[in-house]
Amino acid sequence: MKKKAIALLSGGLDSTLALKIVLDLGFEVIALNMKTPFCTCDGKGGVCYSSKFSQEFGIKLVRIFGGEDYLEIVKNPKHGYGRNLNPCIDCRIYLFKKAKELMEKEGAVFIFTGEVLGERPMSQRLDAMKLIEKESGLKGKVLRPLSAKLLEPTLPEKEGIVDRSALLNLQGRSRKRQIQLAGDYQIKDYPCPAGGCLLTEENFARRLKDSFNHNEDTLRHISLLKIGRHFRLPIQDGYESKGVKLIVGRDQEENKLLLFLAQAEEVKFTVKEFKGALGVLLGEPLPEDISLSARISARYCQERSLASLIIKTWTNSEDEHQEIEVAPLEDSQIESYRV
């Protein structure tokens, strides 16, 4: 009977190459893939590469989702952030702990990843790799086939379960050898190496930090961050500000998604009689906030050059809307509110 191994399979080229190497060594592989609210790793047409390669190689795929518990890690990472709001070390510890649970459940002898020594500046340094293994309870049980010959032998290598001579010595950020190996193994249609996580992107990280600062930290809020134009409205003199935020759709699809994600009590805005964007106001607005939001919403109408426009506002039902007449806000004024 073949011994089992757990693959951490993102669907990227590195993890797919590692999968091919371990399969060629004769192991039964079960792949683990984690999605979070911040993943951007699917391809055109929503192709999930972890599913694609699992099917091609004929292996079982277990998918998990990092939800509210994962958000707590993003908000308060023990080991800090990378360049933006990416808690890469804490994220890997979280994933490795999930892999350890699956390893014990399946009776596997080790887990393996597509990590390459020195490829990622935060989580793929040697000291970070050791720290992640230790804190996840997997010391000596994480095989990294692409860089194994540059690392200390793992327990399965020491015990003769894994043939160390079949492993590689890749290091650094160059992708030339991986691309060559992909050709050798006839691995095709793999995703480009860039990106994969919104937390590494400066613009998204700025939006997320703003949301965390205003206690907008649910999975719904995270979904809203991915769509529309975002505006944090100013504190109104003489009032206790609730830090309200306006989100305005950029096209019809975003308008529909905004309306779907909006809660019944949240104020919605749209231009009467003309085509325009949908706006949704988060928080507990003052009358001044509603007036300003209407003016911003009017700006994103095809007829924004008019001196004034009628804006419909409603909460529970558009059939029970109210109407206010406003002048579209100038771009120079809008930019001061943009998140």
C-alpha atoms as a PDB file:
ATOM      1  CA  MET A   1       0.000   0.000   0.000  1.00  0.00           C
ATOM      2  CA  LYS A   2       1.300   3.458  -0.919  1.00  0.00           C
ATOM      3  CA  LYS A   3       2.161   5.850   1.881  1.00  0.00           C
ATOM      4  CA  LYS A   4       0.155   9.069   1.932  1.00  0.00           C
ATOM      5  CA  ALA A   5       1.375  12.659   1.728  1.00  0.00           C
ATOM      6  CA  ILE A   6      -0.556  15.918   1.991  1.00  0.00           C
ATOM      7  CA  ALA A   7       0.101  18.528  -0.708  1.00  0.00           C
ATOM      8  CA  LEU A   8      -0.462  22.212  -0.065  1.00  0.00           C
ATOM      9  CA  LEU A   9      -1.710  22.927  -3.557  1.00  0.00           C
ATOM     10  CA  SER A  10      -2.327  26.546  -4.497  1.00  0.00           C
ATOM     11  CA  GLY A  11      -2.517  25.622  -8.170  1.00  0.00           C
ATOM     12  CA  GLY A  12       0.481  27.808  -8.988  1.00  0.00           C
ATOM     13  CA  LEU A  13       3.457  26.428 -10.888  1.00  0.00           C
ATOM     14  CA  ASP A  14       5.655  25.793  -7.837  1.00  0.00           C
ATOM     15  CA  SER A  15       3.085  23.739  -5.944  1.00  0.00           C
ATOM     16  CA  THR A  16       2.154  21.844  -9.116  1.00  0.00           C
ATOM     17  CA  LEU A  17       5.810  20.935  -9.761  1.00  0.00           C
ATOM     18  CA  ALA A  18       6.169  19.752  -6.159  1.00  0.00           C
ATOM     19  CA  LEU A  19       3.042  17.636  -6.643  1.00  0.00           C
ATOM     20  CA  LYS A  20       4.485  16.010  -9.760  1.00  0.00           C
ATOM     21  CA  ILE A  21       7.773  15.192  -8.005  1.00  0.00           C
ATOM     22  CA  VAL A  22       6.091  13.535  -5.012  1.00  0.00           C
ATOM     23  CA  LEU A  23       3.694  11.579  -7.230  1.00  0.00           C
ATOM     24  CA  ASP A  24       6.686  10.297  -9.217  1.00  0.00           C
ATOM     25  CA  LEU A  25       8.202   9.110  -5.935  1.00  0.00           C
ATOM     26  CA  GLY A  26       5.234   6.763  -5.587  1.00  0.00           C
ATOM     27  CA  PHE A  27       3.134   8.398  -2.875  1.00  0.00           C
ATOM     28  CA  GLU A  28      -0.632   8.643  -2.668  1.00  0.00           C
ATOM     29  CA  VAL A  29      -1.248  12.365  -2.505  1.00  0.00           C
ATOM     30  CA  ILE A  30      -4.194  14.227  -1.036  1.00  0.00           C
ATOM     31  CA  ALA A  31      -4.193  17.924  -1.944  1.00  0.00           C
ATOM     32  CA  LEU A  32      -5.274  20.689   0.420  1.00  0.00           C
ATOM     33  CA  ASN A  33      -6.288  24.052  -0.992  1.00  0.00           C
ATOM     34  CA  MET A  34      -7.300  27.045   1.080  1.00  0.00           C
ATOM     35  CA  LYS A  35      -9.353  29.962  -0.144  1.00  0.00           C
ATOM     36  CA  THR A  36      -9.596  33.201   1.797  1.00  0.00           C
ATOM     37  CA  PRO A  37     -11.621  36.381   1.187  1.00  0.00           C
ATOM     38  CA  PHE A  38      -8.426  37.832  -0.303  1.00  0.00           C
ATOM     39  CA  CYS A  39      -7.534  35.200  -2.920  1.00  0.00           C
ATOM     40  CA  THR A  40      -7.087  36.284  -6.538  1.00  0.00           C
ATOM     41  CA  CYS A  41      -5.664  33.002  -7.808  1.00  0.00           C
ATOM     42  CA  ASP A  42      -8.460  31.863 -10.118  1.00  0.00           C
ATOM     43  CA  GLY A  43      -7.828  32.170 -13.840  1.00  0.00           C
ATOM     44  CA  LYS A  44      -9.902  33.503 -16.711  1.00  0.00           C
ATOM     45  CA  GLY A  45     -13.480  32.340 -16.630  1.00  0.00           C
ATOM     46  CA  GLY A  46     -13.147  31.460 -12.938  1.00  0.00           C
ATOM     47  CA  VAL A  47     -10.792  28.536 -13.550  1.00  0.00           C
ATOM     48  CA  CYS A  48      -9.584  27.101 -10.226  1.00  0.00           C
ATOM     49  CA  TYR A  49      -6.096  25.789 -10.888  1.00  0.00           C
ATOM     50  CA  SER A  50      -5.989  23.584  -7.794  1.00  0.00           C
ATOM     51  CA  SER A  51      -9.096  21.764  -9.073  1.00  0.00           C
ATOM     52  CA  LYS A  52      -7.714  21.651 -12.607  1.00  0.00           C
ATOM     53  CA  PHE A  53      -4.420  20.026 -11.641  1.00  0.00           C
ATOM     54  CA  SER A  54      -6.023  17.704  -9.075  1.00  0.00           C
ATOM     55  CA  GLN A  55      -8.232  16.348 -11.829  1.00  0.00           C
ATOM     56  CA  GLU A  56      -5.345  16.077 -14.296  1.00  0.00           C
ATOM     57  CA  PHE A  57      -3.233  14.099 -11.826  1.00  0.00           C
ATOM     58  CA  GLY A  58      -6.170  12.073 -10.514  1.00  0.00           C
ATOM     59  CA  ILE A  59      -5.832  12.988  -6.832  1.00  0.00           C
ATOM     60  CA  LYS A  60      -8.292  13.879  -4.088  1.00  0.00           C
ATOM     61  CA  LEU A  61      -8.679  17.582  -3.357  1.00  0.00           C
ATOM     62  CA  VAL A  62      -9.812  18.953   0.013  1.00  0.00           C
ATOM     63  CA  ARG A  63     -10.805  22.614  -0.014  1.00  0.00           C
ATOM     64  CA  ILE A  64     -11.135  24.784   3.071  1.00  0.00           C
ATOM     65  CA  PHE A  65     -12.139  28.411   3.561  1.00  0.00           C
ATOM     66  CA  GLY A  66     -10.472  30.845   5.912  1.00  0.00           C
ATOM     67  CA  GLY A  67     -13.420  32.758   7.333  1.00  0.00           C
ATOM     68  CA  GLU A  68     -13.980  34.808  10.491  1.00  0.00           C
ATOM     69  CA  ASP A  69     -11.149  33.049  12.345  1.00  0.00           C
ATOM     70  CA  TYR A  70      -8.809  33.901   9.479  1.00  0.00           C
ATOM     71  CA  LEU A  71      -9.910  37.557   9.579  1.00  0.00           C
ATOM     72  CA  GLU A  72      -8.803  37.719  13.211  1.00  0.00           C
ATOM     73  CA  ILE A  73      -5.316  36.708  12.091  1.00  0.00           C
ATOM     74  CA  VAL A  74      -5.303  39.409   9.413  1.00  0.00           C
ATOM     75  CA  LYS A  75      -6.391  42.034  11.951  1.00  0.00           C
ATOM     76  CA  ASN A  76      -3.885  41.019  14.628  1.00  0.00           C
ATOM     77  CA  PRO A  77      -0.996  38.985  13.213  1.00  0.00           C
ATOM     78  CA  LYS A  78       1.428  37.740  15.839  1.00  0.00           C
ATOM     79  CA  HIS A  79       4.361  38.028  13.447  1.00  0.00           C
ATOM     80  CA  GLY A  80       3.393  41.286  11.759  1.00  0.00           C
ATOM     81  CA  TYR A  81       2.774  42.355   8.196  1.00  0.00           C
ATOM     82  CA  GLY A  82       4.782  42.396   5.009  1.00  0.00           C
ATOM     83  CA  ARG A  83       5.016  45.475   2.825  1.00  0.00           C
ATOM     84  CA  ASN A  84       1.256  46.077   2.926  1.00  0.00           C
ATOM     85  CA  LEU A  85      -1.339  44.266   5.045  1.00  0.00           C
ATOM     86  CA  ASN A  86      -0.136  40.730   4.308  1.00  0.00           C
ATOM     87  CA  PRO A  87       0.464  38.584   7.431  1.00  0.00           C
ATOM     88  CA  CYS A  88       2.343  35.935   5.442  1.00  0.00           C
ATOM     89  CA  ILE A  89       3.965  34.093   8.359  1.00  0.00           C
ATOM     90  CA  ASP A  90       0.757  33.885  10.396  1.00  0.00           C
ATOM     91  CA  CYS A  91      -1.141  32.868   7.260  1.00  0.00           C
ATOM     92  CA  ARG A  92       1.277  29.977   6.655  1.00  0.00           C
ATOM     93  CA  ILE A  93       1.029  28.850  10.286  1.00  0.00           C
ATOM     94  CA  TYR A  94      -2.773  28.828   9.971  1.00  0.00           C
ATOM     95  CA  LEU A  95      -2.602  26.777   6.768  1.00  0.00           C
ATOM     96  CA  PHE A  96       0.021  24.377   8.136  1.00  0.00           C
ATOM     97  CA  LYS A  97      -2.124  23.691  11.195  1.00  0.00           C
ATOM     98  CA  LYS A  98      -5.024  22.798   8.899  1.00  0.00           C
ATOM     99  CA  ALA A  99      -2.684  20.543   6.925  1.00  0.00           C
ATOM    100  CA  LYS A 100      -1.541  18.859  10.144  1.00  0.00           C
ATOM    101  CA  GLU A 101      -5.170  18.078  11.019  1.00  0.00           C
ATOM    102  CA  LEU A 102      -5.700  16.549   7.580  1.00  0.00           C
ATOM    103  CA  MET A 103      -2.427  14.616   7.788  1.00  0.00           C
ATOM    104  CA  GLU A 104      -3.462  13.023  11.072  1.00  0.00           C
ATOM    105  CA  LYS A 105      -6.978  12.296   9.797  1.00  0.00           C
ATOM    106  CA  GLU A 106      -5.702  10.608   6.630  1.00  0.00           C
ATOM    107  CA  GLY A 107      -2.773   8.810   8.259  1.00  0.00           C
ATOM    108  CA  ALA A 108      -0.274  10.607   6.003  1.00  0.00           C
ATOM    109  CA  VAL A 109       3.436  10.633   6.849  1.00  0.00           C
ATOM    110  CA  PHE A 110       4.325  14.198   5.844  1.00  0.00           C
ATOM    111  CA  ILE A 111       3.070  17.342   4.125  1.00  0.00           C
ATOM    112  CA  PHE A 112       4.801  19.079   1.255  1.00  0.00           C
ATOM    113  CA  THR A 113       4.714  22.494  -0.379  1.00  0.00           C
ATOM    114  CA  GLY A 114       5.999  24.230  -3.481  1.00  0.00           C
ATOM    115  CA  GLU A 115       7.997  26.740  -1.462  1.00  0.00           C
ATOM    116  CA  VAL A 116      11.337  27.822  -2.900  1.00  0.00           C
ATOM    117  CA  LEU A 117      14.023  29.079  -0.541  1.00  0.00           C
ATOM    118  CA  GLY A 118      14.370  32.842  -0.886  1.00  0.00           C
ATOM    119  CA  GLU A 119      11.557  33.267  -3.422  1.00  0.00           C
ATOM    120  CA  ARG A 120       9.220  35.182  -1.117  1.00  0.00           C
ATOM    121  CA  PRO A 121      10.794  37.845   1.108  1.00  0.00           C
ATOM    122  CA  MET A 122       8.683  37.237   4.218  1.00  0.00           C
ATOM    123  CA  SER A 123       7.636  33.594   4.499  1.00  0.00           C
ATOM    124  CA  GLN A 124      10.265  31.759   2.449  1.00  0.00           C
ATOM    125  CA  ARG A 125      13.369  32.778   4.339  1.00  0.00           C
ATOM    126  CA  LEU A 126      15.055  29.906   6.145  1.00  0.00           C
ATOM    127  CA  ASP A 127      14.367  31.328   9.609  1.00  0.00           C
ATOM    128  CA  ALA A 128      10.702  31.946   8.718  1.00  0.00           C
ATOM    129  CA  MET A 129      10.313  28.406   7.379  1.00  0.00           C
ATOM    130  CA  LYS A 130      11.663  26.974  10.638  1.00  0.00           C
ATOM    131  CA  LEU A 131       9.412  29.237  12.707  1.00  0.00           C
ATOM    132  CA  ILE A 132       6.307  28.245  10.731  1.00  0.00           C
ATOM    133  CA  GLU A 133       7.074  24.545  11.129  1.00  0.00           C
ATOM    134  CA  LYS A 134       7.652  24.913  14.866  1.00  0.00           C
ATOM    135  CA  GLU A 135       4.506  26.922  15.608  1.00  0.00           C
ATOM    136  CA  SER A 136       2.306  24.640  13.496  1.00  0.00           C
ATOM    137  CA  GLY A 137       3.591  21.504  15.222  1.00  0.00           C
ATOM    138  CA  LEU A 138       5.144  20.120  12.027  1.00  0.00           C
ATOM    139  CA  LYS A 139       8.857  20.346  12.763  1.00  0.00           C
ATOM    140  CA  GLY A 140      10.693  17.931  10.487  1.00  0.00           C
ATOM    141  CA  LYS A 141       7.521  16.867   8.659  1.00  0.00           C
ATOM    142  CA  VAL A 142       7.372  19.521   5.926  1.00  0.00           C
ATOM    143  CA  LEU A 143       9.024  18.503   2.677  1.00  0.00           C
ATOM    144  CA  ARG A 144       9.893  21.197   0.148  1.00  0.00           C
ATOM    145  CA  PRO A 145      10.816  19.194  -2.966  1.00  0.00           C
ATOM    146  CA  LEU A 146      11.963  22.203  -5.016  1.00  0.00           C
ATOM    147  CA  SER A 147      14.601  23.334  -2.479  1.00  0.00           C
ATOM    148  CA  ALA A 148      15.093  20.199  -0.363  1.00  0.00           C
ATOM    149  CA  LYS A 149      18.797  19.747  -1.164  1.00  0.00           C
ATOM    150  CA  LEU A 150      19.500  23.194   0.269  1.00  0.00           C
ATOM    151  CA  LEU A 151      17.635  22.423   3.497  1.00  0.00           C
ATOM    152  CA  GLU A 152      18.157  20.046   6.396  1.00  0.00           C
ATOM    153  CA  PRO A 153      16.784  16.550   5.676  1.00  0.00           C
ATOM    154  CA  THR A 154      13.228  16.086   6.907  1.00  0.00           C
ATOM    155  CA  LEU A 155      12.125  13.105   9.013  1.00  0.00           C
ATOM    156  CA  PRO A 156      10.767  11.173   5.995  1.00  0.00           C
ATOM    157  CA  GLU A 157      14.124  11.669   4.255  1.00  0.00           C
ATOM    158  CA  LYS A 158      16.082  10.529   7.309  1.00  0.00           C
ATOM    159  CA  GLU A 159      13.851   7.470   7.668  1.00  0.00           C
ATOM    160  CA  GLY A 160      14.329   6.526   4.010  1.00  0.00           C
ATOM    161  CA  ILE A 161      10.671   7.121   3.141  1.00  0.00           C
ATOM    162  CA  VAL A 162      11.608   9.851   0.655  1.00  0.00           C
ATOM    163  CA  ASP A 163      14.507   9.550  -1.783  1.00  0.00           C
ATOM    164  CA  ARG A 164      16.439  12.770  -1.236  1.00  0.00           C
ATOM    165  CA  SER A 165      18.403  12.290  -4.464  1.00  0.00           C
ATOM    166  CA  ALA A 166      15.180  12.835  -6.453  1.00  0.00           C
ATOM    167  CA  LEU A 167      14.645  16.277  -4.935  1.00  0.00           C
ATOM    168  CA  LEU A 168      15.842  19.667  -6.216  1.00  0.00           C
ATOM    169  CA  ASN A 169      17.965  22.633  -5.132  1.00  0.00           C
ATOM    170  CA  LEU A 170      16.068  25.665  -6.441  1.00  0.00           C
ATOM    171  CA  GLN A 171      16.683  29.003  -4.763  1.00  0.00           C
ATOM    172  CA  GLY A 172      15.768  32.654  -5.296  1.00  0.00           C
ATOM    173  CA  ARG A 173      13.210  34.536  -7.329  1.00  0.00           C
ATOM    174  CA  SER A 174      14.138  33.467 -10.860  1.00  0.00           C
ATOM    175  CA  ARG A 175      11.523  31.262 -12.519  1.00  0.00           C
ATOM    176  CA  LYS A 176      13.648  29.909 -15.362  1.00  0.00           C
ATOM    177  CA  ARG A 177      14.160  26.440 -13.914  1.00  0.00           C
ATOM    178  CA  GLN A 178      10.509  26.086 -12.944  1.00  0.00           C
ATOM    179  CA  ILE A 179       9.393  26.994 -16.459  1.00  0.00           C
ATOM    180  CA  GLN A 180      11.881  24.513 -17.902  1.00  0.00           C
ATOM    181  CA  LEU A 181      10.603  21.802 -15.553  1.00  0.00           C
ATOM    182  CA  ALA A 182       7.022  22.580 -16.543  1.00  0.00           C
ATOM    183  CA  GLY A 183       7.991  21.858 -20.126  1.00  0.00           C
ATOM    184  CA  ASP A 184       9.766  18.639 -19.137  1.00  0.00           C
ATOM    185  CA  TYR A 185       6.728  17.453 -17.177  1.00  0.00           C
ATOM    186  CA  GLN A 186       4.295  18.714 -19.848  1.00  0.00           C
ATOM    187  CA  ILE A 187       2.523  20.922 -17.325  1.00  0.00           C
ATOM    188  CA  LYS A 188       0.555  23.486 -19.306  1.00  0.00           C
ATOM    189  CA  ASP A 189      -1.804  26.390 -18.741  1.00  0.00           C
ATOM    190  CA  TYR A 190      -0.484  27.309 -15.311  1.00  0.00           C
ATOM    191  CA  PRO A 191      -1.048  30.780 -13.808  1.00  0.00           C
ATOM    192  CA  CYS A 192       1.538  33.540 -13.912  1.00  0.00           C
ATOM    193  CA  PRO A 193       3.579  33.889 -10.706  1.00  0.00           C
ATOM    194  CA  ALA A 194       2.526  37.441  -9.827  1.00  0.00           C
ATOM    195  CA  GLY A 195      -0.159  38.248  -7.264  1.00  0.00           C
ATOM    196  CA  GLY A 196      -2.512  35.737  -5.702  1.00  0.00           C
ATOM    197  CA  CYS A 197      -3.442  37.750  -2.613  1.00  0.00           C
ATOM    198  CA  LEU A 198      -5.179  41.116  -2.344  1.00  0.00           C
ATOM    199  CA  LEU A 199      -3.424  41.796   0.960  1.00  0.00           C
ATOM    200  CA  THR A 200      -0.179  42.406  -0.926  1.00  0.00           C
ATOM    201  CA  GLU A 201      -1.776  45.104  -3.094  1.00  0.00           C
ATOM    202  CA  GLU A 202      -1.290  48.664  -1.879  1.00  0.00           C
ATOM    203  CA  ASN A 203      -4.700  50.047  -2.909  1.00  0.00           C
ATOM    204  CA  PHE A 204      -6.663  47.179  -1.411  1.00  0.00           C
ATOM    205  CA  ALA A 205      -4.568  47.242   1.772  1.00  0.00           C
ATOM    206  CA  ARG A 206      -5.394  50.939   2.186  1.00  0.00           C
ATOM    207  CA  ARG A 207      -9.117  50.207   1.895  1.00  0.00           C
ATOM    208  CA  LEU A 208      -8.866  47.301   4.323  1.00  0.00           C
ATOM    209  CA  LYS A 209      -6.955  49.324   6.904  1.00  0.00           C
ATOM    210  CA  ASP A 210      -9.575  52.066   6.690  1.00  0.00           C
ATOM    211  CA  SER A 211     -12.325  49.479   7.218  1.00  0.00           C
ATOM    212  CA  PHE A 212     -10.582  47.922  10.209  1.00  0.00           C
ATOM    213  CA  ASN A 213     -10.163  51.403  11.724  1.00  0.00           C
ATOM    214  CA  HIS A 214     -13.947  51.868  11.511  1.00  0.00           C
ATOM    215  CA  ASN A 215     -14.887  48.369  12.758  1.00  0.00           C
ATOM    216  CA  GLU A 216     -16.089  47.291   9.311  1.00  0.00           C
ATOM    217  CA  ASP A 217     -14.502  43.892   9.621  1.00  0.00           C
ATOM    218  CA  THR A 218     -17.004  41.184   8.702  1.00  0.00           C
ATOM    219  CA  LEU A 219     -16.835  38.915   5.664  1.00  0.00           C
ATOM    220  CA  ARG A 220     -19.545  41.081   4.082  1.00  0.00           C
ATOM    221  CA  HIS A 221     -17.418  44.177   4.512  1.00  0.00           C
ATOM    222  CA  ILE A 222     -14.476  42.391   2.904  1.00  0.00           C
ATOM    223  CA  SER A 223     -16.644  41.465  -0.084  1.00  0.00           C
ATOM    224  CA  LEU A 224     -17.707  45.098  -0.427  1.00  0.00           C
ATOM    225  CA  LEU A 225     -14.078  46.236  -0.483  1.00  0.00           C
ATOM    226  CA  LYS A 226     -13.547  44.415  -3.764  1.00  0.00           C
ATOM    227  CA  ILE A 227     -16.132  46.400  -5.706  1.00  0.00           C
ATOM    228  CA  GLY A 228     -17.035  49.995  -6.425  1.00  0.00           C
ATOM    229  CA  ARG A 229     -15.590  53.379  -5.568  1.00  0.00           C
ATOM    230  CA  HIS A 230     -15.216  53.998  -1.817  1.00  0.00           C
ATOM    231  CA  PHE A 231     -15.618  57.329  -0.040  1.00  0.00           C
ATOM    232  CA  ARG A 232     -15.166  58.005   3.677  1.00  0.00           C
ATOM    233  CA  LEU A 233     -17.371  60.963   4.558  1.00  0.00           C
ATOM    234  CA  PRO A 234     -16.020  63.756   6.769  1.00  0.00           C
ATOM    235  CA  ILE A 235     -16.900  64.307  10.398  1.00  0.00           C
ATOM    236  CA  GLN A 236     -19.786  66.736  10.683  1.00  0.00           C
ATOM    237  CA  ASP A 237     -19.158  69.708  12.962  1.00  0.00           C
ATOM    238  CA  GLY A 238     -21.102  69.525  16.181  1.00  0.00           C
ATOM    239  CA  TYR A 239     -22.017  65.853  15.807  1.00  0.00           C
ATOM    240  CA  GLU A 240     -20.549  62.577  16.976  1.00  0.00           C
ATOM    241  CA  SER A 241     -19.378  61.044  13.709  1.00  0.00           C
ATOM    242  CA  LYS A 242     -20.137  57.390  12.990  1.00  0.00           C
ATOM    243  CA  GLY A 243     -17.520  57.241  10.251  1.00  0.00           C
ATOM    244  CA  VAL A 244     -19.984  56.480   7.469  1.00  0.00           C
ATOM    245  CA  LYS A 245     -18.766  55.297   4.085  1.00  0.00           C
ATOM    246  CA  LEU A 246     -20.337  55.532   0.646  1.00  0.00           C
ATOM    247  CA  ILE A 247     -19.741  52.853  -1.997  1.00  0.00           C
ATOM    248  CA  VAL A 248     -20.667  53.666  -5.596  1.00  0.00           C
ATOM    249  CA  GLY A 249     -20.804  51.001  -8.307  1.00  0.00           C
ATOM    250  CA  ARG A 250     -18.666  51.329 -11.440  1.00  0.00           C
ATOM    251  CA  ASP A 251     -20.930  49.406 -13.828  1.00  0.00           C
ATOM    252  CA  GLN A 252     -24.202  47.528 -13.976  1.00  0.00           C
ATOM    253  CA  GLU A 253     -22.724  44.297 -12.626  1.00  0.00           C
ATOM    254  CA  GLU A 254     -21.277  46.091  -9.598  1.00  0.00           C
ATOM    255  CA  ASN A 255     -24.586  47.880  -9.043  1.00  0.00           C
ATOM    256  CA  LYS A 256     -26.329  44.509  -8.868  1.00  0.00           C
ATOM    257  CA  LEU A 257     -23.716  43.074  -6.515  1.00  0.00           C
ATOM    258  CA  LEU A 258     -23.848  46.140  -4.267  1.00  0.00           C
ATOM    259  CA  LEU A 259     -27.610  45.857  -4.009  1.00  0.00           C
ATOM    260  CA  PHE A 260     -27.301  42.166  -3.195  1.00  0.00           C
ATOM    261  CA  LEU A 261     -24.742  42.775  -0.423  1.00  0.00           C
ATOM    262  CA  ALA A 262     -26.461  45.835   1.032  1.00  0.00           C
ATOM    263  CA  GLN A 263     -28.462  45.428   4.207  1.00  0.00           C
ATOM    264  CA  ALA A 264     -32.098  46.497   4.335  1.00  0.00           C
ATOM    265  CA  GLU A 265     -31.507  49.435   6.683  1.00  0.00           C
ATOM    266  CA  GLU A 266     -28.641  50.914   4.649  1.00  0.00           C
ATOM    267  CA  VAL A 267     -29.479  53.934   2.503  1.00  0.00           C
ATOM    268  CA  LYS A 268     -29.325  53.414  -1.274  1.00  0.00           C
ATOM    269  CA  PHE A 269     -28.995  56.106  -3.949  1.00  0.00           C
ATOM    270  CA  THR A 270     -29.651  56.220  -7.676  1.00  0.00           C
ATOM    271  CA  VAL A 271     -30.369  58.963 -10.198  1.00  0.00           C
ATOM    272  CA  LYS A 272     -33.962  59.375 -11.297  1.00  0.00           C
ATOM    273  CA  GLU A 273     -34.723  59.221 -15.049  1.00  0.00           C
ATOM    274  CA  PHE A 274     -31.077  58.834 -16.188  1.00  0.00           C
ATOM    275  CA  LYS A 275     -28.595  55.978 -16.215  1.00  0.00           C
ATOM    276  CA  GLY A 276     -26.279  56.160 -13.248  1.00  0.00           C
ATOM    277  CA  ALA A 277     -24.430  54.289 -10.572  1.00  0.00           C
ATOM    278  CA  LEU A 278     -25.938  52.787  -7.447  1.00  0.00           C
ATOM    279  CA  GLY A 279     -24.650  54.106  -4.143  1.00  0.00           C
ATOM    280  CA  VAL A 280     -24.868  52.385  -0.754  1.00  0.00           C
ATOM    281  CA  LEU A 281     -24.169  54.210   2.489  1.00  0.00           C
ATOM    282  CA  LEU A 282     -22.661  52.141   5.326  1.00  0.00           C
ATOM    283  CA  GLY A 283     -23.053  53.158   8.951  1.00  0.00           C
ATOM    284  CA  GLU A 284     -25.454  55.487  10.748  1.00  0.00           C
ATOM    285  CA  PRO A 285     -25.710  58.596   8.576  1.00  0.00           C
ATOM    286  CA  LEU A 286     -26.696  62.102   9.532  1.00  0.00           C
ATOM    287  CA  PRO A 287     -28.874  64.183   7.165  1.00  0.00           C
ATOM    288  CA  GLU A 288     -25.680  65.920   6.007  1.00  0.00           C
ATOM    289  CA  ASP A 289     -24.165  62.546   5.108  1.00  0.00           C
ATOM    290  CA  ILE A 290     -27.178  61.652   2.984  1.00  0.00           C
ATOM    291  CA  SER A 291     -27.046  64.979   1.161  1.00  0.00           C
ATOM    292  CA  LEU A 292     -23.306  64.626   0.432  1.00  0.00           C
ATOM    293  CA  SER A 293     -23.746  61.015  -0.679  1.00  0.00           C
ATOM    294  CA  ALA A 294     -26.489  62.093  -3.077  1.00  0.00           C
ATOM    295  CA  ARG A 295     -24.154  64.697  -4.609  1.00  0.00           C
ATOM    296  CA  ILE A 296     -21.366  62.118  -5.015  1.00  0.00           C
ATOM    297  CA  SER A 297     -23.790  59.632  -6.560  1.00  0.00           C
ATOM    298  CA  ALA A 298     -24.999  62.313  -8.968  1.00  0.00           C
ATOM    299  CA  ARG A 299     -21.428  62.768 -10.187  1.00  0.00           C
ATOM    300  CA  TYR A 300     -21.458  59.199 -11.529  1.00  0.00           C
ATOM    301  CA  CYS A 301     -24.395  59.757 -13.858  1.00  0.00           C
ATOM    302  CA  GLN A 302     -24.257  60.199 -17.639  1.00  0.00           C
ATOM    303  CA  GLU A 303     -25.954  63.584 -17.223  1.00  0.00           C
ATOM    304  CA  ARG A 304     -23.560  64.888 -14.558  1.00  0.00           C
ATOM    305  CA  SER A 305     -23.011  68.105 -16.538  1.00  0.00           C
ATOM    306  CA  LEU A 306     -26.513  69.282 -15.586  1.00  0.00           C
ATOM    307  CA  ALA A 307     -26.776  71.896 -12.852  1.00  0.00           C
ATOM    308  CA  SER A 308     -28.937  69.605 -10.739  1.00  0.00           C
ATOM    309  CA  LEU A 309     -30.302  66.070 -10.711  1.00  0.00           C
ATOM    310  CA  ILE A 310     -33.039  64.243  -8.836  1.00  0.00           C
ATOM    311  CA  ILE A 311     -31.659  61.444  -6.642  1.00  0.00           C
ATOM    312  CA  LYS A 312     -33.858  58.660  -5.303  1.00  0.00           C
ATOM    313  CA  THR A 313     -32.989  57.393  -1.810  1.00  0.00           C
ATOM    314  CA  TRP A 314     -34.484  54.422  -0.001  1.00  0.00           C
ATOM    315  CA  THR A 315     -33.786  51.744   2.583  1.00  0.00           C
ATOM    316  CA  ASN A 316     -36.061  48.694   2.593  1.00  0.00           C
ATOM    317  CA  SER A 317     -37.786  49.155  -0.770  1.00  0.00           C
ATOM    318  CA  GLU A 318     -37.105  51.310  -3.823  1.00  0.00           C
ATOM    319  CA  ASP A 319     -40.889  51.545  -4.253  1.00  0.00           C
ATOM    320  CA  GLU A 320     -40.935  53.624  -1.060  1.00  0.00           C
ATOM    321  CA  HIS A 321     -38.146  56.003  -2.061  1.00  0.00           C
ATOM    322  CA  GLN A 322     -37.724  59.678  -1.356  1.00  0.00           C
ATOM    323  CA  GLU A 323     -36.400  62.246  -3.819  1.00  0.00           C
ATOM    324  CA  ILE A 324     -33.878  65.024  -3.306  1.00  0.00           C
ATOM    325  CA  GLU A 325     -32.523  67.523  -5.820  1.00  0.00           C
ATOM    326  CA  VAL A 326     -28.761  68.074  -5.701  1.00  0.00           C
ATOM    327  CA  ALA A 327     -25.909  69.479  -7.742  1.00  0.00           C
ATOM    328  CA  PRO A 328     -23.305  66.847  -8.741  1.00  0.00           C
ATOM    329  CA  LEU A 329     -20.132  67.232  -6.706  1.00  0.00           C
ATOM    330  CA  GLU A 330     -17.009  68.381  -8.515  1.00  0.00           C
ATOM    331  CA  ASP A 331     -14.188  65.880  -9.008  1.00  0.00           C
ATOM    332  CA  SER A 332     -11.751  68.042  -7.053  1.00  0.00           C
ATOM    333  CA  GLN A 333     -14.025  67.830  -4.016  1.00  0.00           C
ATOM    334  CA  ILE A 334     -14.748  64.123  -4.385  1.00  0.00           C
ATOM    335  CA  GLU A 335     -11.074  63.120  -4.327  1.00  0.00           C
ATOM    336  CA  SER A 336     -10.642  64.332  -0.759  1.00  0.00           C
ATOM    337  CA  TYR A 337     -13.105  61.656   0.383  1.00  0.00           C
ATOM    338  CA  ARG A 338     -11.859  58.759  -1.698  1.00  0.00           C
ATOM    339  CA  VAL A 339     -10.458  55.735   0.141  1.00  0.00           C
END
